[in-house]
Protein backbone atom coordinates (compact mmCIF):
# COMPACT_ATOMS: atom_id res chain seq x y z
CA MET A 1 -0.02 0.02 -0.02
CA LYS A 2 1.27 3.44 -0.91
CA LEU A 3 1.38 5.55 2.32
CA LEU A 4 1.27 8.97 0.62
CA THR A 5 -0.85 9.28 -2.44
CA LYS A 6 -0.57 12.32 -4.76
CA ALA A 7 -4.08 13.39 -3.75
CA LEU A 8 -3.20 13.27 -0.07
CA GLU A 9 0.03 15.12 -0.61
CA LYS A 10 -1.86 17.81 -2.41
CA ALA A 11 -4.60 17.98 0.29
CA LEU A 12 -2.25 18.35 3.22
CA PRO A 13 -1.50 21.97 4.21
CA PRO A 14 2.16 22.93 4.19
CA LEU A 15 4.24 22.47 7.33
CA TYR A 16 3.86 25.35 9.92
CA SER A 17 0.84 26.81 7.94
CA GLN A 18 -1.56 25.90 10.78
CA GLU A 19 0.43 27.21 13.76
CA ASP A 20 -2.28 29.74 14.55
CA VAL A 21 -5.20 27.48 13.82
CA GLU A 22 -6.77 26.48 17.16
CA ASP A 23 -8.33 23.26 16.02
CA PRO A 24 -6.81 22.03 12.68
CA MET A 25 -8.25 19.24 10.55
CA VAL A 26 -6.67 15.83 10.65
CA LEU A 27 -6.55 14.72 7.00
CA ALA A 28 -4.83 11.42 7.24
CA HIS A 29 -4.46 8.54 9.68
CA PHE A 30 -1.57 5.98 9.66
CA PHE A 31 -1.57 3.00 11.95
CA ASN A 32 0.47 -0.03 12.99
CA PRO A 33 -1.71 -3.14 12.21
CA SER A 34 0.33 -5.34 14.45
CA GLY A 35 0.78 -3.20 17.55
CA ALA A 36 0.79 0.24 19.06
CA GLY A 37 1.11 3.23 16.91
CA ASP A 38 -1.32 5.80 15.39
CA TRP A 39 -0.33 8.97 13.58
CA TYR A 40 -3.05 11.58 12.92
CA ILE A 41 -1.69 13.98 10.33
CA CYS A 42 -2.54 17.67 9.87
CA GLU A 43 0.31 19.04 7.76
CA GLY A 44 3.03 17.78 5.49
CA GLY A 45 5.87 18.86 3.27
CA ARG A 46 8.85 17.73 1.28
CA ASP A 47 12.16 17.79 3.16
CA GLY A 48 14.86 16.70 0.71
CA ASP A 49 14.41 13.08 -0.12
CA ASP A 50 11.79 12.68 2.65
CA TYR A 51 8.31 13.91 3.37
CA ARG A 52 7.77 15.27 6.98
CA MET A 53 4.40 15.39 8.55
CA PHE A 54 2.94 17.00 11.67
CA GLY A 55 0.13 15.82 13.82
CA LEU A 56 -0.88 13.74 16.85
CA CYS A 57 1.49 10.82 17.26
CA ASP A 58 0.26 8.15 19.66
CA LEU A 59 2.74 5.36 20.56
CA GLY A 60 1.01 4.84 23.92
CA TRP A 61 1.29 8.43 24.99
CA PRO A 62 -0.28 10.87 22.59
CA GLU A 63 1.73 14.04 21.76
CA LEU A 64 1.89 16.51 18.93
CA GLY A 65 4.99 16.11 16.80
CA TYR A 66 6.71 15.40 13.50
CA VAL A 67 7.07 12.11 11.71
CA SER A 68 9.14 11.12 8.73
CA LEU A 69 7.40 9.21 5.88
CA ASN A 70 10.61 7.35 5.25
CA GLU A 71 10.70 6.16 8.89
CA LEU A 72 7.11 5.07 8.74
CA ALA A 73 7.68 3.24 5.58
CA GLY A 74 10.67 1.47 7.06
CA VAL A 75 8.79 -0.01 10.03
CA ARG A 76 8.34 -3.76 9.94
CA GLY A 77 6.42 -5.67 12.53
CA PRO A 78 5.52 -9.32 12.99
CA PHE A 79 5.21 -11.18 9.69
CA GLY A 80 6.74 -8.25 7.87
CA LEU A 81 3.64 -6.01 8.34
CA GLY A 82 4.32 -2.38 7.83
CA ILE A 83 2.58 0.81 8.78
CA GLU A 84 -0.69 1.34 6.78
CA ARG A 85 -2.75 4.34 5.77
CA ASP A 86 -6.36 4.23 6.89
CA ARG A 87 -7.99 4.22 3.40
CA PHE A 88 -11.50 4.89 4.88
CA TRP A 89 -10.43 7.86 7.04
CA THR A 90 -12.83 10.71 7.25
CA PRO A 91 -11.20 14.04 8.13
CA LYS A 92 -11.93 15.22 11.67
CA ARG A 93 -10.87 18.06 13.90
CA LEU A 94 -7.81 17.46 16.14
CA SER A 95 -9.93 18.06 19.22
CA GLU A 96 -12.10 15.07 18.23
CA ILE A 97 -9.07 12.79 18.01
CA LYS A 98 -7.74 14.07 21.43
CA GLU A 99 -11.11 13.16 22.96
CA GLU A 100 -10.91 9.62 21.53
CA THR A 101 -7.30 8.86 22.62
């Protein structure tokens, strides 16, 4: 599965563009199908050979931060399972995600 589609890349606001937005939209969700790990993405942008994203990262303790697409793509869990993009994700406000986690 392709983690970052052209449509998603185009839809994500540029990094730092929502610093003053009180409750930004979460436009993408990535998850670990074989364990802990959810990434709720609000912004993204190219950074050399990588793509950096910003959002709520939850590895057991949710916090706002940055994540590298290359790092997500390199994760391999049991049976070789990698991180997946939630293909059925419906955009939500960040406050809604915080309430759920």
